[in-house]
Amino acid sequence: MSDTGDTLRDGDLLAAADLGSNSFHLVVARYDKGTPRIIDRVRESVRLAAGVRNDGTLDPDYLQRALDCLARFGQRIAGISGAHVRAIATNAVRQLADPEGFLEQAEQALGQPVEVVSGREEGRLIFLGVSHGLPRSKQRRLVIDVGGGSTEFIVGRGLEPLQTESIQVGCVASTLRFFPDGALTAERWQRAQDEIGLQLQQFAADYRELGWSETIGSSGTAKAIGLMVQTLKLSDDGVRAEHLAALREHLLRAGHIDAIDLPALSPERAPIIAGGVAVLEAAFRALGIRRMQVCEIAMREGVLWDLVGRSSDRDPRIASIRSLAARYAVDTAQAARVEDTALLLFEQAGAGWSFHPGEREWLSWAARVHEIGLSIAHSQHHVHAGYILRHADLAGFSRQEQELLAAIVQGHRRKPDPALFDALPVRYRSLARRVAALLRLAVLLRRARREQKLPTLHLRTDSERIALRLPRAWLQRHPLTATDLEREAPYMADLGIRLELHADRG
């Protein structure tokens, strides 16, 4: 079970906020016998992607629209435990020149942390939500989610994605790119097909070789297209390539985005539907899709299920850590020794540092993977490990969480770089420094790399100080450890922590 310290109980409320490139969504659910049952939904059209300028800055009007929306979301979730709330930002925020500046304001408006996830993690969450919302199947499924700024393609079976790709085209981004002044022409449409198709070629052959038995379109764009296909009486059994061609002809006959008049298409969706249809038509062609069923479930439902998993033995982050350790041939016996010692220190440190529920797992995970950099080279292996943790695709982790784990692991030996910790979100900085300090001590105490009984350790903390007591006789019998600990004080100072080493008689 994940050590979140906050197990869900029947009746608990959960909330997931999805800061999409087109719309912001909030879903609130009640936990009931292992299932999040949705009791409220809020959706607002923010069009964040449309407000991102060429230099990566965000238009002030769009920023204010986003913050106003998040303030309303914040009011709705004000009474829900923070451990049961997760807010996710996706492609539009990933494209900002200063995402941290936006996130700081967004978190203040919402009253909760906002996490940025990679395109592949976004795909995993989408697939998780869709899979829980559809009848169980042993066959492979392809899920396509056309968002505002990106489109995710996930092939998986059951609840597990097998392959995930994300391309930087979505309904808002594609409309702005290929039809910037609103004019809809055959030449522009063909250019859209060519350029989107070029991105799809990067993985289309691999996907077709893998194969799938059914295609599912999730989120608002797929829902809107499916509804138009039904209303035009083209089909009541999913979307086919010829239906997309028919919609394309409707759009080209309109000649301009402002003149689009398709049945069942909301005025809110009309200005961006051309980009959505173009993306799907290119996907059908590149992947050889015959028919696509529409599913209204999307990433926000996946986030709810991920919250449920995090409070149980289905936390995907645990599997990611295990997989990473195996991939880089970590000495698991040594990692376990370091982890056990680090957690012993953590329990004693908690009296002075008052760790929050769930923070123990960061020390545990860091201990399990702190030596992954050895697979590259012993020299600077902590730096190699930090790079791996920042840039690997780690299912279940947001980008900020990967930065947190990377800072802890990179700071576990040699002279720690204060800039690594200063670059973290404010909420993580103190935690990262303290956990890194405990990991450093555990690594030094377990330097022998063999089963060796340690003496009774006494550790006290207050403010930014660690006082470690060890028997003098033991230190005399272990001069290398004694020297390591004596030399550690200036390194701890770089973490903003004063280390005091005391030798007791005995």
Protein backbone atom coordinates (compact mmCIF):
# COMPACT_ATOMS: atom_id res chain seq x y z
CA MET A 1 0.00 0.00 0.00
CA SER A 2 1.20 3.51 -0.74
CA ASP A 3 2.27 5.30 2.37
CA THR A 4 -0.01 8.25 1.87
CA GLY A 5 -1.15 8.23 5.46
CA ASP A 6 -4.65 9.06 4.28
CA THR A 7 -6.69 5.99 3.36
CA LEU A 8 -10.04 6.72 1.73
CA ARG A 9 -13.19 5.76 3.60
CA ASP A 10 -16.74 5.41 2.32
CA GLY A 11 -18.35 8.82 2.13
CA ASP A 12 -15.11 10.76 1.66
CA LEU A 13 -15.21 13.42 -1.05
CA LEU A 14 -12.64 13.60 -3.85
CA ALA A 15 -12.09 16.25 -6.50
CA ALA A 16 -10.14 16.44 -9.74
CA ALA A 17 -9.47 19.64 -11.67
CA ASP A 18 -8.32 19.49 -15.28
CA LEU A 19 -6.76 22.72 -16.54
CA GLY A 20 -7.09 21.90 -20.22
CA SER A 21 -5.93 23.97 -23.17
CA ASN A 22 -9.54 24.63 -24.18
CA SER A 23 -11.72 24.11 -21.10
CA PHE A 24 -11.19 23.84 -17.38
CA HIS A 25 -13.10 20.99 -15.73
CA LEU A 26 -13.84 20.12 -12.13
CA VAL A 27 -15.40 16.85 -10.99
CA VAL A 28 -16.37 16.08 -7.42
CA ALA A 29 -17.02 12.49 -6.35
CA ARG A 30 -17.99 10.55 -3.26
CA TYR A 31 -15.93 7.47 -2.46
CA ASP A 32 -18.16 4.40 -2.20
CA LYS A 33 -16.79 0.87 -1.78
CA GLY A 34 -13.71 1.41 -3.90
CA THR A 35 -15.40 3.58 -6.55
CA PRO A 36 -15.44 7.37 -6.99
CA ARG A 37 -19.09 8.23 -7.76
CA ILE A 38 -19.35 11.64 -9.38
CA ILE A 39 -21.81 13.99 -7.69
CA ASP A 40 -20.93 17.31 -9.34
CA ARG A 41 -19.34 18.65 -12.50
CA VAL A 42 -18.24 22.17 -13.42
CA ARG A 43 -16.93 23.14 -16.85
CA GLU A 44 -15.80 26.52 -18.11
CA SER A 45 -14.42 27.49 -21.50
CA VAL A 46 -11.15 29.30 -20.83
CA ARG A 47 -9.29 28.76 -24.15
CA LEU A 48 -5.93 29.00 -22.44
CA ALA A 49 -4.08 27.77 -25.54
CA ALA A 50 -5.49 30.65 -27.58
CA GLY A 51 -3.96 33.09 -25.10
CA VAL A 52 -0.40 31.77 -25.42
CA ARG A 53 1.59 34.23 -27.54
CA ASN A 54 4.41 33.31 -29.90
CA ASP A 55 7.00 34.20 -27.24
CA GLY A 56 5.35 31.89 -24.70
CA THR A 57 3.80 34.63 -22.59
CA LEU A 58 0.12 34.50 -21.68
CA ASP A 59 -2.29 37.25 -22.70
CA PRO A 60 -3.46 39.04 -19.51
CA ASP A 61 -7.13 38.65 -20.42
CA TYR A 62 -6.77 34.87 -20.73
CA LEU A 63 -4.77 34.76 -17.51
CA GLN A 64 -7.51 36.59 -15.64
CA ARG A 65 -10.15 34.33 -17.17
CA ALA A 66 -8.22 31.30 -15.93
CA LEU A 67 -7.72 32.71 -12.43
CA ASP A 68 -11.38 33.69 -12.10
CA CYS A 69 -12.41 30.17 -13.09
CA LEU A 70 -10.00 28.60 -10.61
CA ALA A 71 -11.29 30.83 -7.83
CA ARG A 72 -14.79 29.48 -8.49
CA PHE A 73 -13.42 25.94 -8.49
CA GLY A 74 -11.67 26.73 -5.22
CA GLN A 75 -14.93 27.72 -3.59
CA ARG A 76 -16.53 24.43 -4.62
CA ILE A 77 -13.76 22.26 -3.17
CA ALA A 78 -13.00 24.37 -0.09
CA GLY A 79 -14.34 21.76 2.32
CA ILE A 80 -12.57 18.75 0.80
CA SER A 81 -9.37 17.37 2.33
CA GLY A 82 -6.33 18.52 0.36
CA ALA A 83 -5.11 14.90 0.26
CA HIS A 84 -8.22 14.06 -1.78
CA VAL A 85 -7.86 16.86 -4.34
CA ARG A 86 -5.64 16.82 -7.41
CA ALA A 87 -5.38 19.58 -10.00
CA ILE A 88 -3.63 18.81 -13.29
CA ALA A 89 -2.33 21.24 -15.91
CA THR A 90 -1.57 20.00 -19.40
CA ASN A 91 -0.26 21.17 -22.77
CA ALA A 92 -1.02 24.90 -22.68
CA VAL A 93 0.85 25.32 -19.39
CA ARG A 94 3.70 23.12 -20.67
CA GLN A 95 4.12 25.58 -23.56
CA LEU A 96 4.38 28.71 -21.41
CA ALA A 97 7.71 30.50 -21.19
CA ASP A 98 7.18 30.90 -17.44
CA PRO A 99 4.96 28.05 -16.27
CA GLU A 100 6.05 28.54 -12.65
CA GLY A 101 4.75 32.11 -12.67
CA PHE A 102 1.36 30.95 -13.90
CA LEU A 103 1.24 28.03 -11.47
CA GLU A 104 1.96 30.28 -8.49
CA GLN A 105 -1.05 32.45 -9.34
CA ALA A 106 -3.21 29.45 -10.24
CA GLU A 107 -2.49 27.73 -6.93
CA GLN A 108 -3.32 30.88 -5.01
CA ALA A 109 -6.65 31.19 -6.83
CA LEU A 110 -7.56 27.51 -6.44
CA GLY A 111 -6.24 27.09 -2.92
CA GLN A 112 -4.58 23.81 -3.92
CA PRO A 113 -1.32 22.75 -5.62
CA VAL A 114 -1.47 22.48 -9.41
CA GLU A 115 0.69 19.80 -11.03
CA VAL A 116 1.98 19.81 -14.60
CA VAL A 117 2.02 16.39 -16.26
CA SER A 118 3.79 15.22 -19.40
CA GLY A 119 1.88 14.24 -22.51
CA ARG A 120 2.47 10.55 -21.77
CA GLU A 121 1.27 10.87 -18.19
CA GLU A 122 -1.76 12.72 -19.51
CA GLY A 123 -2.35 9.76 -21.82
CA ARG A 124 -2.08 7.29 -18.94
CA LEU A 125 -4.69 9.20 -16.93
CA ILE A 126 -7.00 9.42 -19.95
CA PHE A 127 -6.75 5.68 -20.55
CA LEU A 128 -7.33 4.97 -16.86
CA GLY A 129 -10.54 7.01 -16.87
CA VAL A 130 -11.84 5.62 -20.15
CA SER A 131 -11.07 2.02 -19.16
CA HIS A 132 -12.98 2.36 -15.90
CA GLY A 133 -15.92 3.92 -17.75
CA LEU A 134 -16.31 1.21 -20.39
CA PRO A 135 -17.16 -2.49 -20.07
CA ARG A 136 -14.09 -4.57 -19.26
CA SER A 137 -12.44 -6.08 -22.30
CA LYS A 138 -9.47 -8.40 -22.81
CA GLN A 139 -8.93 -6.91 -26.27
CA ARG A 140 -6.64 -3.98 -27.00
CA ARG A 141 -8.19 -0.54 -27.33
CA LEU A 142 -6.92 2.59 -29.02
CA VAL A 143 -8.03 5.73 -27.20
CA ILE A 144 -7.71 9.08 -28.99
CA ASP A 145 -8.15 12.27 -27.00
CA VAL A 146 -8.16 15.46 -29.08
CA GLY A 147 -7.53 18.21 -26.55
CA GLY A 148 -7.10 21.92 -27.08
CA GLY A 149 -3.33 21.95 -27.47
CA SER A 150 -2.32 18.32 -27.92
CA THR A 151 -3.73 14.96 -28.92
CA GLU A 152 -3.00 11.75 -27.06
CA PHE A 153 -3.00 8.27 -28.61
CA ILE A 154 -3.01 5.33 -26.20
CA VAL A 155 -3.12 1.61 -26.99
CA GLY A 156 -3.80 -0.57 -23.98
CA ARG A 157 -5.53 -3.60 -22.57
CA GLY A 158 -7.66 -3.70 -19.43
CA LEU A 159 -6.53 -0.81 -17.25
CA GLU A 160 -2.94 -0.78 -18.50
CA PRO A 161 -1.64 1.41 -21.35
CA LEU A 162 0.83 -0.44 -23.55
CA GLN A 163 1.96 2.46 -25.69
CA THR A 164 1.28 6.19 -25.34
CA GLU A 165 2.12 9.07 -27.66
CA SER A 166 1.29 12.77 -27.54
CA ILE A 167 1.54 15.16 -30.49
CA GLN A 168 1.41 18.94 -30.34
CA VAL A 169 -1.80 19.38 -32.29
CA GLY A 170 -5.25 19.90 -30.80
CA CYS A 171 -8.50 21.57 -31.75
CA VAL A 172 -7.46 25.06 -30.57
CA ALA A 173 -3.81 24.86 -31.63
CA SER A 174 -4.64 23.42 -35.07
CA THR A 175 -7.38 25.96 -35.75
CA LEU A 176 -5.03 28.83 -34.87
CA ARG A 177 -2.18 27.34 -36.89
CA PHE A 178 -3.90 26.30 -40.09
CA PHE A 179 -6.86 28.71 -40.18
CA PRO A 180 -5.45 31.78 -38.39
CA ASP A 181 -7.80 34.33 -39.97
CA GLY A 182 -10.79 31.97 -39.94
CA ALA A 183 -10.81 31.28 -43.69
CA LEU A 184 -11.49 27.61 -44.51
CA THR A 185 -10.06 26.49 -47.86
CA ALA A 186 -9.18 23.16 -49.43
CA GLU A 187 -5.53 24.20 -49.71
CA ARG A 188 -5.30 25.01 -46.02
CA TRP A 189 -7.06 21.79 -45.13
CA GLN A 190 -4.59 19.77 -47.18
CA ARG A 191 -1.69 21.53 -45.49
CA ALA A 192 -3.18 20.60 -42.12
CA GLN A 193 -3.49 16.97 -43.21
CA ASP A 194 0.09 16.89 -44.44
CA GLU A 195 1.64 18.45 -41.34
CA ILE A 196 -0.43 16.50 -38.83
CA GLY A 197 0.17 13.33 -40.81
CA LEU A 198 3.91 13.94 -40.63
CA GLN A 199 3.76 13.94 -36.82
CA LEU A 200 1.64 10.80 -36.83
CA GLN A 201 4.15 8.98 -39.04
CA GLN A 202 6.59 8.92 -36.13
CA PHE A 203 4.61 6.16 -34.42
CA ALA A 204 1.84 5.06 -36.82
CA ALA A 205 3.71 1.97 -38.06
CA ASP A 206 4.45 0.79 -34.52
CA TYR A 207 0.83 1.25 -33.50
CA ARG A 208 -0.52 -0.60 -36.51
CA GLU A 209 1.88 -3.47 -35.86
CA LEU A 210 0.74 -3.62 -32.23
CA GLY A 211 -2.91 -3.61 -33.29
CA TRP A 212 -6.20 -3.03 -31.48
CA SER A 213 -9.78 -4.21 -31.77
CA GLU A 214 -11.71 -0.99 -31.11
CA THR A 215 -11.08 2.74 -31.23
CA ILE A 216 -12.47 5.12 -28.61
CA GLY A 217 -12.62 8.90 -28.93
CA SER A 218 -12.70 10.69 -25.58
CA SER A 219 -13.32 14.26 -24.41
CA GLY A 220 -15.24 17.20 -25.86
CA THR A 221 -14.04 17.23 -29.46
CA ALA A 222 -14.89 13.56 -30.04
CA LYS A 223 -18.23 14.03 -28.32
CA ALA A 224 -19.08 17.06 -30.49
CA ILE A 225 -18.12 15.24 -33.70
CA GLY A 226 -20.09 12.16 -32.71
CA LEU A 227 -23.16 14.27 -31.96
CA MET A 228 -22.92 16.06 -35.32
CA VAL A 229 -22.61 12.72 -37.13
CA GLN A 230 -25.77 11.51 -35.40
CA THR A 231 -27.72 14.72 -35.95
CA LEU A 232 -26.84 14.79 -39.65
CA LYS A 233 -28.13 11.18 -39.76
CA LEU A 234 -24.81 9.99 -41.12
CA SER A 235 -24.67 7.21 -38.55
CA ASP A 236 -25.82 6.21 -35.10
CA ASP A 237 -23.05 3.64 -34.75
CA GLY A 238 -19.87 5.62 -34.26
CA VAL A 239 -17.72 7.82 -36.48
CA ARG A 240 -16.19 6.59 -39.75
CA ALA A 241 -13.74 8.16 -42.19
CA GLU A 242 -16.54 9.05 -44.63
CA HIS A 243 -18.34 10.92 -41.86
CA LEU A 244 -15.28 13.06 -41.21
CA ALA A 245 -15.03 13.73 -44.95
CA ALA A 246 -18.66 14.87 -44.94
CA LEU A 247 -18.01 17.22 -42.01
CA ARG A 248 -14.97 18.57 -43.81
CA GLU A 249 -17.10 19.41 -46.85
CA HIS A 250 -19.64 21.18 -44.62
CA LEU A 251 -16.82 23.27 -43.16
CA LEU A 252 -15.26 24.10 -46.52
CA ARG A 253 -18.65 25.13 -47.91
CA ALA A 254 -19.06 27.50 -44.98
CA GLY A 255 -15.81 29.13 -46.10
CA HIS A 256 -15.13 30.80 -42.77
CA ILE A 257 -15.20 29.82 -39.13
CA ASP A 258 -17.74 32.55 -38.39
CA ALA A 259 -20.12 31.05 -40.97
CA ILE A 260 -20.09 27.48 -39.62
CA ASP A 261 -23.63 26.27 -39.05
CA LEU A 262 -23.67 22.60 -38.21
CA PRO A 263 -26.48 20.96 -36.25
CA ALA A 264 -25.78 20.12 -32.60
CA LEU A 265 -22.59 22.21 -32.65
CA SER A 266 -22.54 24.66 -29.75
CA PRO A 267 -21.53 28.28 -30.40
CA GLU A 268 -18.71 27.73 -27.93
CA ARG A 269 -17.30 24.77 -29.85
CA ALA A 270 -17.84 26.15 -33.39
CA PRO A 271 -14.72 28.40 -33.52
CA ILE A 272 -12.38 25.45 -32.87
CA ILE A 273 -14.16 22.50 -34.50
CA ALA A 274 -12.25 22.78 -37.79
CA GLY A 275 -8.97 21.99 -36.05
CA GLY A 276 -10.55 19.04 -34.25
CA VAL A 277 -12.00 17.51 -37.41
CA ALA A 278 -8.67 18.00 -39.21
CA VAL A 279 -6.75 16.18 -36.47
CA LEU A 280 -9.16 13.24 -36.42
CA GLU A 281 -9.25 12.92 -40.20
CA ALA A 282 -5.44 12.79 -40.31
CA ALA A 283 -5.43 10.21 -37.50
CA PHE A 284 -7.97 7.99 -39.27
CA ARG A 285 -5.84 8.05 -42.41
CA ALA A 286 -2.46 7.47 -40.75
CA LEU A 287 -3.65 4.71 -38.41
CA GLY A 288 -6.11 3.03 -40.76
CA ILE A 289 -9.05 3.52 -38.40
CA ARG A 290 -12.37 2.18 -39.67
CA ARG A 291 -14.72 3.25 -36.90
CA MET A 292 -14.47 5.21 -33.66
CA GLN A 293 -16.89 5.01 -30.77
CA VAL A 294 -17.33 8.11 -28.64
CA CYS A 295 -16.84 8.17 -24.88
CA GLU A 296 -17.55 11.24 -22.76
CA ILE A 297 -15.11 10.15 -20.06
CA ALA A 298 -11.73 11.87 -20.05
CA MET A 299 -8.64 12.64 -18.02
CA ARG A 300 -10.46 14.13 -15.03
CA GLU A 301 -12.17 10.80 -14.34
CA GLY A 302 -8.77 9.15 -14.64
CA VAL A 303 -7.40 11.55 -12.03
CA LEU A 304 -10.18 10.47 -9.64
CA TRP A 305 -9.28 6.82 -10.14
CA ASP A 306 -5.61 7.70 -9.68
CA LEU A 307 -6.46 9.31 -6.34
CA VAL A 308 -8.18 6.07 -5.35
CA GLY A 309 -5.10 4.11 -6.43
CA ARG A 310 -2.76 6.36 -4.46
CA SER A 311 -4.63 5.53 -1.25
CA SER A 312 -4.37 1.79 -1.91
CA ASP A 313 -1.96 -0.79 -3.26
CA ARG A 314 -2.59 0.44 -6.82
CA ASP A 315 -0.39 3.54 -6.64
CA PRO A 316 1.33 3.60 -10.06
CA ARG A 317 4.27 5.50 -8.61
CA ILE A 318 5.34 2.41 -6.67
CA ALA A 319 5.44 0.39 -9.89
CA SER A 320 7.43 3.16 -11.59
CA ILE A 321 10.06 3.15 -8.84
CA ARG A 322 10.28 -0.64 -8.96
CA SER A 323 10.63 -0.60 -12.75
CA LEU A 324 13.30 2.11 -12.63
CA ALA A 325 15.36 0.17 -10.08
CA ALA A 326 15.16 -2.95 -12.24
CA ARG A 327 15.99 -1.12 -15.47
CA TYR A 328 19.15 0.39 -14.02
CA ALA A 329 20.21 -2.78 -12.16
CA VAL A 330 20.10 -1.28 -8.69
CA ASP A 331 21.69 -3.33 -5.89
CA THR A 332 18.35 -3.94 -4.17
CA ALA A 333 19.90 -5.36 -1.00
CA GLN A 334 21.94 -2.21 -0.48
CA ALA A 335 18.98 0.00 -1.39
CA ALA A 336 16.87 -1.84 1.20
CA ARG A 337 19.54 -1.34 3.88
CA VAL A 338 19.71 2.37 3.12
CA GLU A 339 15.92 2.64 3.05
CA ASP A 340 15.48 0.90 6.41
CA THR A 341 18.08 3.12 8.04
CA ALA A 342 16.68 6.27 6.44
CA LEU A 343 13.17 5.46 7.63
CA LEU A 344 14.46 4.81 11.15
CA LEU A 345 15.98 8.29 11.12
CA PHE A 346 12.76 9.69 9.63
CA GLU A 347 10.68 8.38 12.52
CA GLN A 348 12.96 10.09 15.04
CA ALA A 349 13.18 13.29 13.00
CA GLY A 350 9.39 13.57 12.85
CA ALA A 351 9.18 14.76 16.45
CA GLY A 352 10.93 18.01 15.59
CA TRP A 353 10.13 18.39 11.92
CA SER A 354 6.45 17.39 11.97
CA PHE A 355 6.28 15.67 8.61
CA HIS A 356 2.89 15.55 6.90
CA PRO A 357 1.13 12.28 5.98
CA GLY A 358 2.58 10.86 2.79
CA GLU A 359 5.96 12.60 3.01
CA ARG A 360 7.66 9.44 4.28
CA GLU A 361 7.26 7.85 0.84
CA TRP A 362 9.59 10.39 -0.77
CA LEU A 363 12.44 9.20 1.42
CA SER A 364 11.53 5.58 0.76
CA TRP A 365 11.41 6.05 -3.02
CA ALA A 366 14.61 8.10 -3.09
CA ALA A 367 16.44 5.38 -1.16
CA ARG A 368 15.27 2.72 -3.61
CA VAL A 369 16.62 4.55 -6.66
CA HIS A 370 19.48 6.65 -5.28
CA GLU A 371 22.06 4.50 -7.09
CA ILE A 372 20.49 4.33 -10.56
CA GLY A 373 23.24 6.62 -11.86
CA LEU A 374 25.85 3.91 -11.23
CA SER A 375 24.65 2.25 -14.43
CA ILE A 376 26.21 5.18 -16.29
CA ALA A 377 29.35 5.84 -14.24
CA HIS A 378 30.47 5.89 -10.63
CA SER A 379 31.88 9.38 -11.02
CA GLN A 380 29.08 11.89 -10.44
CA HIS A 381 26.53 9.07 -10.32
CA HIS A 382 24.22 11.23 -8.19
CA VAL A 383 24.15 13.79 -11.01
CA HIS A 384 23.37 11.08 -13.56
CA ALA A 385 20.57 9.83 -11.31
CA GLY A 386 19.10 13.31 -11.04
CA TYR A 387 19.07 13.65 -14.83
CA ILE A 388 17.35 10.29 -15.26
CA LEU A 389 14.67 11.12 -12.70
CA ARG A 390 13.93 14.50 -14.30
CA HIS A 391 13.59 13.21 -17.83
CA ALA A 392 12.25 9.64 -17.55
CA ASP A 393 8.60 8.84 -18.24
CA LEU A 394 7.51 7.85 -14.73
CA ALA A 395 3.86 6.81 -14.62
CA GLY A 396 1.96 8.45 -11.79
CA PHE A 397 4.42 11.30 -11.22
CA SER A 398 3.83 14.90 -12.20
CA ARG A 399 6.73 16.98 -13.47
CA GLN A 400 7.04 18.75 -10.12
CA GLU A 401 7.11 15.42 -8.31
CA GLN A 402 9.88 14.17 -10.58
CA GLU A 403 11.84 17.36 -9.88
CA LEU A 404 11.36 16.77 -6.15
CA LEU A 405 12.60 13.19 -6.34
CA ALA A 406 15.50 14.22 -8.57
CA ALA A 407 16.62 16.95 -6.15
CA ILE A 408 16.57 14.54 -3.19
CA VAL A 409 18.53 11.86 -5.03
CA GLN A 410 21.01 14.24 -6.64
CA GLY A 411 21.58 15.82 -3.23
CA HIS A 412 22.35 12.53 -1.48
CA ARG A 413 26.15 12.72 -1.82
CA ARG A 414 29.03 15.12 -2.37
CA LYS A 415 28.40 18.87 -2.18
CA PRO A 416 24.67 19.51 -2.69
CA ASP A 417 23.68 22.32 -5.03
CA PRO A 418 21.29 24.73 -3.23
CA ALA A 419 19.96 25.86 -6.62
CA LEU A 420 18.40 22.41 -7.14
CA PHE A 421 16.23 22.93 -4.10
CA ASP A 422 15.54 26.62 -4.68
CA ALA A 423 14.14 25.74 -8.12
CA LEU A 424 11.44 23.51 -6.60
CA PRO A 425 7.92 24.75 -5.88
CA VAL A 426 7.89 26.48 -2.49
CA ARG A 427 5.78 23.71 -0.94
CA TYR A 428 8.52 21.15 -1.66
CA ARG A 429 11.70 23.03 -0.71
CA SER A 430 11.88 22.34 3.01
CA LEU A 431 10.73 18.74 2.54
CA ALA A 432 13.37 18.10 -0.13
CA ARG A 433 16.22 19.49 1.97
CA ARG A 434 15.22 17.55 5.07
CA VAL A 435 14.65 14.27 3.25
CA ALA A 436 17.94 14.67 1.37
CA ALA A 437 19.71 15.22 4.71
CA LEU A 438 18.27 12.02 6.18
CA LEU A 439 19.17 10.07 3.03
CA ARG A 440 22.75 11.39 3.19
CA LEU A 441 23.12 10.12 6.76
CA ALA A 442 21.66 6.72 5.88
CA VAL A 443 24.04 6.33 2.93
CA LEU A 444 27.04 7.13 5.13
CA LEU A 445 25.94 4.73 7.85
CA ARG A 446 25.48 1.96 5.26
CA ARG A 447 28.67 2.59 3.30
CA ALA A 448 30.00 -0.91 4.13
CA ARG A 449 27.39 -2.37 1.75
CA ARG A 450 26.90 -5.50 3.81
CA GLU A 451 24.62 -6.74 6.55
CA GLN A 452 25.96 -5.03 9.61
CA LYS A 453 24.17 -4.29 12.84
CA LEU A 454 24.18 -0.60 13.57
CA PRO A 455 24.30 0.74 17.10
CA THR A 456 21.30 2.40 18.66
CA LEU A 457 20.84 5.72 16.86
CA HIS A 458 19.48 8.78 18.61
CA LEU A 459 18.46 11.65 16.36
CA ARG A 460 16.77 14.89 17.33
CA THR A 461 15.67 17.74 15.11
CA ASP A 462 14.45 21.25 15.68
CA SER A 463 14.04 24.03 13.19
CA GLU A 464 16.94 23.45 10.77
CA ARG A 465 19.19 21.35 13.03
CA ILE A 466 20.01 17.65 13.29
CA ALA A 467 21.67 16.26 16.41
CA LEU A 468 22.90 12.68 15.94
CA ARG A 469 24.16 10.63 18.88
CA LEU A 470 26.24 7.46 18.47
CA PRO A 471 28.22 5.38 20.98
CA ARG A 472 31.84 6.55 21.19
CA ALA A 473 33.10 2.97 21.26
CA TRP A 474 31.28 2.16 18.03
CA LEU A 475 32.69 5.24 16.32
CA GLN A 476 36.19 4.24 17.43
CA ARG A 477 35.70 0.80 15.89
CA HIS A 478 34.39 2.40 12.67
CA PRO A 479 36.83 5.25 11.96
CA LEU A 480 35.76 5.64 8.31
CA THR A 481 32.15 6.27 9.33
CA ALA A 482 33.29 8.65 12.06
CA THR A 483 35.34 10.62 9.54
CA ASP A 484 32.50 10.66 7.01
CA LEU A 485 30.10 12.04 9.61
CA GLU A 486 32.58 14.68 10.79
CA ARG A 487 33.08 15.86 7.20
CA GLU A 488 29.35 15.97 6.56
CA ALA A 489 28.61 19.18 8.51
CA PRO A 490 29.60 21.68 5.76
CA TYR A 491 27.63 19.71 3.18
CA MET A 492 24.57 19.80 5.43
CA ALA A 493 25.07 23.55 5.75
CA ASP A 494 24.52 23.81 1.99
CA LEU A 495 21.09 22.29 2.66
CA GLY A 496 20.44 24.93 5.30
CA ILE A 497 20.79 22.36 8.10
CA ARG A 498 23.23 22.39 11.01
CA LEU A 499 24.56 18.91 11.80
CA GLU A 500 25.75 18.15 15.32
CA LEU A 501 27.50 14.84 15.99
CA HIS A 502 27.68 13.61 19.59
CA ALA A 503 29.61 10.59 20.87
CA ASP A 504 28.14 8.95 23.96
CA ARG A 505 29.98 6.65 26.31
CA GLY A 506 29.13 3.03 25.79
